[in-house]
């Protein structure tokens, strides 16, 4: 019988491999995964299949790294709040 912890470990490894398939280098895929894993697991659980979870992580990562464009109506400037969300 497989423990829950071991199943989560295999799920995480599969998501990291899927991120590598999406074009992330090995170390960057691992860093991106662990940067978003806790929040996404809290929000969505582990109900998605591996490829969907990796695509959501990729979407979050791209939106974090996107530069602000004042001509895009889908973006809101929050640069003045950036100091509140600094990583520790």
PDB file of N, CA and C in Angstrom:
ATOM      1  N   UNK A   1       0.842  -1.170   0.000  1.00  0.00           N
ATOM      2  CA  UNK A   1       0.000   0.000   0.000  1.00  0.00           C
ATOM      3  C   UNK A   1       0.897   1.246   0.000  1.00  0.00           C
ATOM      4  N   UNK A   2       0.507   2.257  -0.746  1.00  0.00           N
ATOM      5  CA  UNK A   2       1.273   3.484  -0.855  1.00  0.00           C
ATOM      6  C   UNK A   2       0.713   4.532   0.093  1.00  0.00           C
ATOM      7  N   UNK A   3       1.597   5.192   0.813  1.00  0.00           N
ATOM      8  CA  UNK A   3       1.146   6.214   1.748  1.00  0.00           C
ATOM      9  C   UNK A   3       0.765   7.487   0.989  1.00  0.00           C
ATOM     10  N   UNK A   4      -0.016   8.313   1.644  1.00  0.00           N
ATOM     11  CA  UNK A   4      -0.450   9.582   1.034  1.00  0.00           C
ATOM     12  C   UNK A   4       0.756  10.464   0.732  1.00  0.00           C
ATOM     13  N   UNK A   5       1.723  10.475   1.625  1.00  0.00           N
ATOM     14  CA  UNK A   5       2.916  11.293   1.427  1.00  0.00           C
ATOM     15  C   UNK A   5       3.678  10.860   0.177  1.00  0.00           C
ATOM     16  N   UNK A   6       3.764   9.579  -0.055  1.00  0.00           N
ATOM     17  CA  UNK A   6       4.462   9.061  -1.230  1.00  0.00           C
ATOM     18  C   UNK A   6       3.694   9.400  -2.501  1.00  0.00           C
ATOM     19  N   UNK A   7       2.358   9.371  -2.442  1.00  0.00           N
ATOM     20  CA  UNK A   7       1.567   9.734  -3.619  1.00  0.00           C
ATOM     21  C   UNK A   7       1.760  11.208  -3.962  1.00  0.00           C
ATOM     22  N   UNK A   8       1.813  12.075  -2.945  1.00  0.00           N
ATOM     23  CA  UNK A   8       2.030  13.500  -3.173  1.00  0.00           C
ATOM     24  C   UNK A   8       3.415  13.727  -3.754  1.00  0.00           C
ATOM     25  N   UNK A   9       4.396  12.965  -3.290  1.00  0.00           N
ATOM     26  CA  UNK A   9       5.756  13.086  -3.817  1.00  0.00           C
ATOM     27  C   UNK A   9       5.801  12.716  -5.294  1.00  0.00           C
ATOM     28  N   UNK A  10       5.136  11.629  -5.667  1.00  0.00           N
ATOM     29  CA  UNK A  10       5.108  11.216  -7.066  1.00  0.00           C
ATOM     30  C   UNK A  10       4.357  12.237  -7.924  1.00  0.00           C
ATOM     31  N   UNK A  11       3.289  12.806  -7.371  1.00  0.00           N
ATOM     32  CA  UNK A  11       2.524  13.831  -8.084  1.00  0.00           C
ATOM     33  C   UNK A  11       3.413  15.044  -8.337  1.00  0.00           C
ATOM     34  N   UNK A  12       4.157  15.478  -7.319  1.00  0.00           N
ATOM     35  CA  UNK A  12       5.043  16.639  -7.449  1.00  0.00           C
ATOM     36  C   UNK A  12       6.124  16.377  -8.496  1.00  0.00           C
ATOM     37  N   UNK A  13       6.717  15.191  -8.474  1.00  0.00           N
ATOM     38  CA  UNK A  13       7.747  14.854  -9.453  1.00  0.00           C
ATOM     39  C   UNK A  13       7.180  14.864 -10.870  1.00  0.00           C
ATOM     40  N   UNK A  14       5.952  14.372 -11.022  1.00  0.00           N
ATOM     41  CA  UNK A  14       5.332  14.353 -12.345  1.00  0.00           C
ATOM     42  C   UNK A  14       5.022  15.766 -12.831  1.00  0.00           C
ATOM     43  N   UNK A  15       4.601  16.652 -11.919  1.00  0.00           N
ATOM     44  CA  UNK A  15       4.333  18.037 -12.310  1.00  0.00           C
ATOM     45  C   UNK A  15       5.627  18.728 -12.731  1.00  0.00           C
ATOM     46  N   UNK A  16       6.712  18.489 -12.013  1.00  0.00           N
ATOM     47  CA  UNK A  16       8.005  19.077 -12.379  1.00  0.00           C
ATOM     48  C   UNK A  16       8.452  18.573 -13.750  1.00  0.00           C
ATOM     49  N   UNK A  17       8.264  17.295 -14.023  1.00  0.00           N
ATOM     50  CA  UNK A  17       8.600  16.757 -15.345  1.00  0.00           C
ATOM     51  C   UNK A  17       7.726  17.393 -16.429  1.00  0.00           C
ATOM     52  N   UNK A  18       6.478  17.638 -16.112  1.00  0.00           N
ATOM     53  CA  UNK A  18       5.582  18.278 -17.083  1.00  0.00           C
ATOM     54  C   UNK A  18       6.001  19.727 -17.334  1.00  0.00           C
ATOM     55  N   UNK A  19       6.462  20.415 -16.291  1.00  0.00           N
ATOM     56  CA  UNK A  19       6.977  21.778 -16.478  1.00  0.00           C
ATOM     57  C   UNK A  19       8.212  21.764 -17.380  1.00  0.00           C
ATOM     58  N   UNK A  20       9.028  20.739 -17.250  1.00  0.00           N
ATOM     59  CA  UNK A  20      10.182  20.610 -18.141  1.00  0.00           C
ATOM     60  C   UNK A  20       9.720  20.400 -19.580  1.00  0.00           C
ATOM     61  N   UNK A  21       8.631  19.670 -19.774  1.00  0.00           N
ATOM     62  CA  UNK A  21       8.075  19.482 -21.115  1.00  0.00           C
ATOM     63  C   UNK A  21       7.552  20.801 -21.689  1.00  0.00           C
ATOM     64  N   UNK A  22       7.132  21.705 -20.799  1.00  0.00           N
ATOM     65  CA  UNK A  22       6.638  23.014 -21.237  1.00  0.00           C
ATOM     66  C   UNK A  22       7.780  23.976 -21.559  1.00  0.00           C
ATOM     67  N   UNK A  23       9.029  23.557 -21.303  1.00  0.00           N
ATOM     68  CA  UNK A  23      10.171  24.360 -21.707  1.00  0.00           C
ATOM     69  C   UNK A  23      11.013  24.928 -20.580  1.00  0.00           C
ATOM     70  N   UNK A  24      10.700  24.610 -19.346  1.00  0.00           N
ATOM     71  CA  UNK A  24      11.511  25.085 -18.227  1.00  0.00           C
ATOM     72  C   UNK A  24      12.727  24.179 -18.058  1.00  0.00           C
ATOM     73  N   UNK A  25      13.913  24.754 -17.845  1.00  0.00           N
ATOM     74  CA  UNK A  25      15.080  23.922 -17.516  1.00  0.00           C
ATOM     75  C   UNK A  25      14.855  23.210 -16.171  1.00  0.00           C
ATOM     76  N   UNK A  26      15.609  22.182 -15.900  1.00  0.00           N
ATOM     77  CA  UNK A  26      15.405  21.320 -14.730  1.00  0.00           C
ATOM     78  C   UNK A  26      15.311  22.093 -13.420  1.00  0.00           C
ATOM     79  N   UNK A  27      16.315  22.884 -13.099  1.00  0.00           N
ATOM     80  CA  UNK A  27      16.328  23.611 -11.831  1.00  0.00           C
ATOM     81  C   UNK A  27      15.244  24.675 -11.773  1.00  0.00           C
ATOM     82  N   UNK A  28      15.004  25.359 -12.886  1.00  0.00           N
ATOM     83  CA  UNK A  28      13.969  26.388 -12.922  1.00  0.00           C
ATOM     84  C   UNK A  28      12.588  25.763 -12.760  1.00  0.00           C
ATOM     85  N   UNK A  29      12.377  24.600 -13.340  1.00  0.00           N
ATOM     86  CA  UNK A  29      11.090  23.907 -13.194  1.00  0.00           C
ATOM     87  C   UNK A  29      10.831  23.583 -11.726  1.00  0.00           C
ATOM     88  N   UNK A  30      11.848  23.130 -11.042  1.00  0.00           N
ATOM     89  CA  UNK A  30      11.713  22.808  -9.621  1.00  0.00           C
ATOM     90  C   UNK A  30      11.444  24.078  -8.805  1.00  0.00           C
ATOM     91  N   UNK A  31      12.178  25.147  -9.100  1.00  0.00           N
ATOM     92  CA  UNK A  31      11.978  26.407  -8.375  1.00  0.00           C
ATOM     93  C   UNK A  31      10.580  26.972  -8.598  1.00  0.00           C
ATOM     94  N   UNK A  32      10.129  26.954  -9.845  1.00  0.00           N
ATOM     95  CA  UNK A  32       8.798  27.463 -10.173  1.00  0.00           C
ATOM     96  C   UNK A  32       7.735  26.626  -9.480  1.00  0.00           C
ATOM     97  N   UNK A  33       7.909  25.321  -9.483  1.00  0.00           N
ATOM     98  CA  UNK A  33       6.940  24.438  -8.826  1.00  0.00           C
ATOM     99  C   UNK A  33       6.812  24.768  -7.348  1.00  0.00           C
ATOM    100  N   UNK A  34       7.936  24.848  -6.646  1.00  0.00           N
ATOM    101  CA  UNK A  34       7.875  25.099  -5.209  1.00  0.00           C
ATOM    102  C   UNK A  34       7.449  26.524  -4.881  1.00  0.00           C
ATOM    103  N   UNK A  35       7.631  27.459  -5.799  1.00  0.00           N
ATOM    104  CA  UNK A  35       7.186  28.834  -5.582  1.00  0.00           C
ATOM    105  C   UNK A  35       5.659  28.908  -5.533  1.00  0.00           C
ATOM    106  N   UNK A  36       4.976  28.088  -6.328  1.00  0.00           N
ATOM    107  CA  UNK A  36       3.522  28.184  -6.452  1.00  0.00           C
ATOM    108  C   UNK A  36       2.770  27.009  -5.822  1.00  0.00           C
ATOM    109  N   UNK A  37       3.468  25.970  -5.414  1.00  0.00           N
ATOM    110  CA  UNK A  37       2.817  24.733  -5.002  1.00  0.00           C
ATOM    111  C   UNK A  37       1.878  24.909  -3.816  1.00  0.00           C
ATOM    112  N   UNK A  38       2.346  25.522  -2.736  1.00  0.00           N
ATOM    113  CA  UNK A  38       1.518  25.618  -1.533  1.00  0.00           C
ATOM    114  C   UNK A  38       0.221  26.383  -1.776  1.00  0.00           C
ATOM    115  N   UNK A  39       0.329  27.527  -2.434  1.00  0.00           N
ATOM    116  CA  UNK A  39      -0.860  28.339  -2.693  1.00  0.00           C
ATOM    117  C   UNK A  39      -1.835  27.619  -3.618  1.00  0.00           C
ATOM    118  N   UNK A  40      -1.316  27.001  -4.652  1.00  0.00           N
ATOM    119  CA  UNK A  40      -2.195  26.317  -5.598  1.00  0.00           C
ATOM    120  C   UNK A  40      -2.814  25.066  -4.990  1.00  0.00           C
ATOM    121  N   UNK A  41      -2.079  24.385  -4.172  1.00  0.00           N
ATOM    122  CA  UNK A  41      -2.639  23.208  -3.510  1.00  0.00           C
ATOM    123  C   UNK A  41      -3.747  23.628  -2.557  1.00  0.00           C
ATOM    124  N   UNK A  42      -3.543  24.756  -1.868  1.00  0.00           N
ATOM    125  CA  UNK A  42      -4.562  25.273  -0.958  1.00  0.00           C
ATOM    126  C   UNK A  42      -5.830  25.660  -1.729  1.00  0.00           C
ATOM    127  N   UNK A  43      -5.648  26.274  -2.897  1.00  0.00           N
ATOM    128  CA  UNK A  43      -6.795  26.725  -3.685  1.00  0.00           C
ATOM    129  C   UNK A  43      -7.497  25.591  -4.422  1.00  0.00           C
ATOM    130  N   UNK A  44      -6.727  24.731  -5.089  1.00  0.00           N
ATOM    131  CA  UNK A  44      -7.300  23.751  -6.004  1.00  0.00           C
ATOM    132  C   UNK A  44      -7.180  22.310  -5.528  1.00  0.00           C
ATOM    133  N   UNK A  45      -6.376  22.054  -4.528  1.00  0.00           N
ATOM    134  CA  UNK A  45      -6.132  20.677  -4.111  1.00  0.00           C
ATOM    135  C   UNK A  45      -5.292  19.957  -5.147  1.00  0.00           C
ATOM    136  N   UNK A  46      -5.281  18.652  -5.076  1.00  0.00           N
ATOM    137  CA  UNK A  46      -4.523  17.855  -6.039  1.00  0.00           C
ATOM    138  C   UNK A  46      -5.483  17.091  -6.948  1.00  0.00           C
ATOM    139  N   UNK A  47      -6.604  17.732  -7.262  1.00  0.00           N
ATOM    140  CA  UNK A  47      -7.623  17.065  -8.056  1.00  0.00           C
ATOM    141  C   UNK A  47      -7.330  17.102  -9.550  1.00  0.00           C
ATOM    142  N   UNK A  48      -6.584  18.105 -10.015  1.00  0.00           N
ATOM    143  CA  UNK A  48      -6.276  18.198 -11.436  1.00  0.00           C
ATOM    144  C   UNK A  48      -5.264  17.129 -11.816  1.00  0.00           C
ATOM    145  N   UNK A  49      -5.295  16.781 -13.110  1.00  0.00           N
ATOM    146  CA  UNK A  49      -4.250  15.877 -13.540  1.00  0.00           C
ATOM    147  C   UNK A  49      -2.946  16.664 -13.637  1.00  0.00           C
ATOM    148  N   UNK A  50      -1.872  15.965 -13.831  1.00  0.00           N
ATOM    149  CA  UNK A  50      -0.535  16.549 -13.769  1.00  0.00           C
ATOM    150  C   UNK A  50      -0.348  17.647 -14.811  1.00  0.00           C
ATOM    151  N   UNK A  51      -0.797  17.428 -16.027  1.00  0.00           N
ATOM    152  CA  UNK A  51      -0.583  18.427 -17.073  1.00  0.00           C
ATOM    153  C   UNK A  51      -1.392  19.693 -16.816  1.00  0.00           C
ATOM    154  N   UNK A  52      -2.613  19.576 -16.310  1.00  0.00           N
ATOM    155  CA  UNK A  52      -3.413  20.761 -15.997  1.00  0.00           C
ATOM    156  C   UNK A  52      -2.785  21.563 -14.865  1.00  0.00           C
ATOM    157  N   UNK A  53      -2.289  20.882 -13.857  1.00  0.00           N
ATOM    158  CA  UNK A  53      -1.647  21.553 -12.725  1.00  0.00           C
ATOM    159  C   UNK A  53      -0.392  22.278 -13.195  1.00  0.00           C
ATOM    160  N   UNK A  54       0.395  21.652 -14.058  1.00  0.00           N
ATOM    161  CA  UNK A  54       1.609  22.279 -14.582  1.00  0.00           C
ATOM    162  C   UNK A  54       1.269  23.484 -15.451  1.00  0.00           C
ATOM    163  N   UNK A  55       0.209  23.394 -16.233  1.00  0.00           N
ATOM    164  CA  UNK A  55      -0.202  24.523 -17.071  1.00  0.00           C
ATOM    165  C   UNK A  55      -0.663  25.701 -16.212  1.00  0.00           C
ATOM    166  N   UNK A  56      -1.348  25.420 -15.106  1.00  0.00           N
ATOM    167  CA  UNK A  56      -1.765  26.503 -14.211  1.00  0.00           C
ATOM    168  C   UNK A  56      -0.552  27.162 -13.564  1.00  0.00           C
ATOM    169  N   UNK A  57       0.426  26.367 -13.151  1.00  0.00           N
ATOM    170  CA  UNK A  57       1.649  26.919 -12.578  1.00  0.00           C
ATOM    171  C   UNK A  57       2.358  27.787 -13.609  1.00  0.00           C
ATOM    172  N   UNK A  58       2.426  27.317 -14.843  1.00  0.00           N
ATOM    173  CA  UNK A  58       3.061  28.079 -15.921  1.00  0.00           C
ATOM    174  C   UNK A  58       2.318  29.396 -16.155  1.00  0.00           C
ATOM    175  N   UNK A  59       1.009  29.354 -16.137  1.00  0.00           N
ATOM    176  CA  UNK A  59       0.220  30.578 -16.332  1.00  0.00           C
ATOM    177  C   UNK A  59       0.468  31.575 -15.208  1.00  0.00           C
ATOM    178  N   UNK A  60       0.517  31.106 -13.974  1.00  0.00           N
ATOM    179  CA  UNK A  60       0.794  31.990 -12.833  1.00  0.00           C
ATOM    180  C   UNK A  60       2.187  32.599 -12.939  1.00  0.00           C
ATOM    181  N   UNK A  61       3.158  31.781 -13.323  1.00  0.00           N
ATOM    182  CA  UNK A  61       4.537  32.261 -13.434  1.00  0.00           C
ATOM    183  C   UNK A  61       4.655  33.320 -14.530  1.00  0.00           C
ATOM    184  N   UNK A  62       4.016  33.087 -15.655  1.00  0.00           N
ATOM    185  CA  UNK A  62       4.065  34.069 -16.741  1.00  0.00           C
ATOM    186  C   UNK A  62       3.367  35.363 -16.354  1.00  0.00           C
ATOM    187  N   UNK A  63       2.263  35.275 -15.639  1.00  0.00           N
ATOM    188  CA  UNK A  63       1.563  36.494 -15.239  1.00  0.00           C
ATOM    189  C   UNK A  63       2.361  37.271 -14.192  1.00  0.00           C
ATOM    190  N   UNK A  64       3.130  36.584 -13.362  1.00  0.00           N
ATOM    191  CA  UNK A  64       3.972  37.279 -12.388  1.00  0.00           C
ATOM    192  C   UNK A  64       5.110  38.029 -13.074  1.00  0.00           C
ATOM    193  N   UNK A  65       5.621  37.488 -14.156  1.00  0.00           N
ATOM    194  CA  UNK A  65       6.770  38.078 -14.834  1.00  0.00           C
ATOM    195  C   UNK A  65       6.389  39.048 -15.955  1.00  0.00           C
ATOM    196  N   UNK A  66       5.102  39.207 -16.195  1.00  0.00           N
ATOM    197  CA  UNK A  66       4.652  40.105 -17.262  1.00  0.00           C
ATOM    198  C   UNK A  66       4.834  41.553 -16.832  1.00  0.00           C
ATOM    199  N   UNK A  67       5.340  42.353 -17.732  1.00  0.00           N
ATOM    200  CA  UNK A  67       5.535  43.776 -17.473  1.00  0.00           C
ATOM    201  C   UNK A  67       4.199  44.502 -17.593  1.00  0.00           C
ATOM    202  N   UNK A  68       4.060  45.578 -16.829  1.00  0.00           N
ATOM    203  CA  UNK A  68       2.835  46.367 -16.850  1.00  0.00           C
ATOM    204  C   UNK A  68       2.730  47.155 -18.154  1.00  0.00           C
ATOM    205  N   UNK A  69       1.584  47.050 -18.787  1.00  0.00           N
ATOM    206  CA  UNK A  69       1.302  47.786 -20.009  1.00  0.00           C
ATOM    207  C   UNK A  69       0.089  48.671 -19.751  1.00  0.00           C
ATOM    208  N   UNK A  70       0.253  49.993 -19.683  1.00  0.00           N
ATOM    209  CA  UNK A  70      -0.885  50.866 -19.368  1.00  0.00           C
ATOM    210  C   UNK A  70      -1.966  50.858 -20.449  1.00  0.00           C
ATOM    211  N   UNK A  71      -1.664  50.388 -21.635  1.00  0.00           N
ATOM    212  CA  UNK A  71      -2.654  50.339 -22.712  1.00  0.00           C
ATOM    213  C   UNK A  71      -3.498  49.077 -22.694  1.00  0.00           C
ATOM    214  N   UNK A  72      -3.150  48.125 -21.839  1.00  0.00           N
ATOM    215  CA  UNK A  72      -3.902  46.872 -21.745  1.00  0.00           C
ATOM    216  C   UNK A  72      -4.983  47.015 -20.677  1.00  0.00           C
ATOM    217  N   UNK A  73      -6.268  46.959 -21.051  1.00  0.00           N
ATOM    218  CA  UNK A  73      -7.346  47.144 -20.066  1.00  0.00           C
ATOM    219  C   UNK A  73      -7.482  45.980 -19.086  1.00  0.00           C
ATOM    220  N   UNK A  74      -6.820  44.852 -19.346  1.00  0.00           N
ATOM    221  CA  UNK A  74      -6.906  43.697 -18.461  1.00  0.00           C
ATOM    222  C   UNK A  74      -5.864  43.716 -17.357  1.00  0.00           C
ATOM    223  N   UNK A  75      -5.034  44.753 -17.299  1.00  0.00           N
ATOM    224  CA  UNK A  75      -3.997  44.849 -16.280  1.00  0.00           C
ATOM    225  C   UNK A  75      -4.285  46.026 -15.359  1.00  0.00           C
ATOM    226  N   UNK A  76      -3.976  45.823 -14.098  1.00  0.00           N
ATOM    227  CA  UNK A  76      -4.138  46.871 -13.095  1.00  0.00           C
ATOM    228  C   UNK A  76      -2.775  47.124 -12.487  1.00  0.00           C
ATOM    229  N   UNK A  77      -2.388  48.383 -12.383  1.00  0.00           N
ATOM    230  CA  UNK A  77      -1.085  48.718 -11.828  1.00  0.00           C
ATOM    231  C   UNK A  77      -1.117  48.543 -10.311  1.00  0.00           C
ATOM    232  N   UNK A  78      -0.224  47.707  -9.803  1.00  0.00           N
ATOM    233  CA  UNK A  78      -0.109  47.489  -8.365  1.00  0.00           C
ATOM    234  C   UNK A  78       1.338  47.643  -7.915  1.00  0.00           C
ATOM    235  N   UNK A  79       2.135  48.330  -8.709  1.00  0.00           N
ATOM    236  CA  UNK A  79       3.552  48.511  -8.388  1.00  0.00           C
ATOM    237  C   UNK A  79       3.771  49.210  -7.071  1.00  0.00           C
ATOM    238  N   UNK A  80       2.845  50.096  -6.696  1.00  0.00           N
ATOM    239  CA  UNK A  80       2.983  50.808  -5.441  1.00  0.00           C
ATOM    240  C   UNK A  80       2.747  49.886  -4.240  1.00  0.00           C
ATOM    241  N   UNK A  81       2.216  48.673  -4.447  1.00  0.00           N
ATOM    242  CA  UNK A  81       1.989  47.705  -3.377  1.00  0.00           C
ATOM    243  C   UNK A  81       3.059  46.620  -3.342  1.00  0.00           C
ATOM    244  N   UNK A  82       4.004  46.679  -4.252  1.00  0.00           N
ATOM    245  CA  UNK A  82       5.008  45.624  -4.391  1.00  0.00           C
ATOM    246  C   UNK A  82       5.805  45.407  -3.113  1.00  0.00           C
ATOM    247  N   UNK A  83       6.083  46.475  -2.370  1.00  0.00           N
ATOM    248  CA  UNK A  83       6.881  46.340  -1.146  1.00  0.00           C
ATOM    249  C   UNK A  83       6.158  45.517  -0.088  1.00  0.00           C
ATOM    250  N   UNK A  84       4.831  45.398  -0.169  1.00  0.00           N
ATOM    251  CA  UNK A  84       4.069  44.623   0.808  1.00  0.00           C
ATOM    252  C   UNK A  84       4.144  43.127   0.559  1.00  0.00           C
ATOM    253  N   UNK A  85       4.422  42.732  -0.660  1.00  0.00           N
ATOM    254  CA  UNK A  85       4.425  41.308  -0.998  1.00  0.00           C
ATOM    255  C   UNK A  85       5.812  40.766  -1.284  1.00  0.00           C
ATOM    256  N   UNK A  86       6.807  41.391  -0.783  1.00  0.00           N
ATOM    257  CA  UNK A  86       8.179  40.902  -0.995  1.00  0.00           C
ATOM    258  C   UNK A  86       8.332  39.528  -0.365  1.00  0.00           C
ATOM    259  N   UNK A  87       9.116  38.709  -1.028  1.00  0.00           N
ATOM    260  CA  UNK A  87       9.363  37.363  -0.524  1.00  0.00           C
ATOM    261  C   UNK A  87      10.381  37.413   0.588  1.00  0.00           C
ATOM    262  N   UNK A  88      10.202  36.566   1.530  1.00  0.00           N
ATOM    263  CA  UNK A  88      11.087  36.515   2.693  1.00  0.00           C
ATOM    264  C   UNK A  88      12.161  35.512   2.496  1.00  0.00           C
TER     265      UNK A  88
END
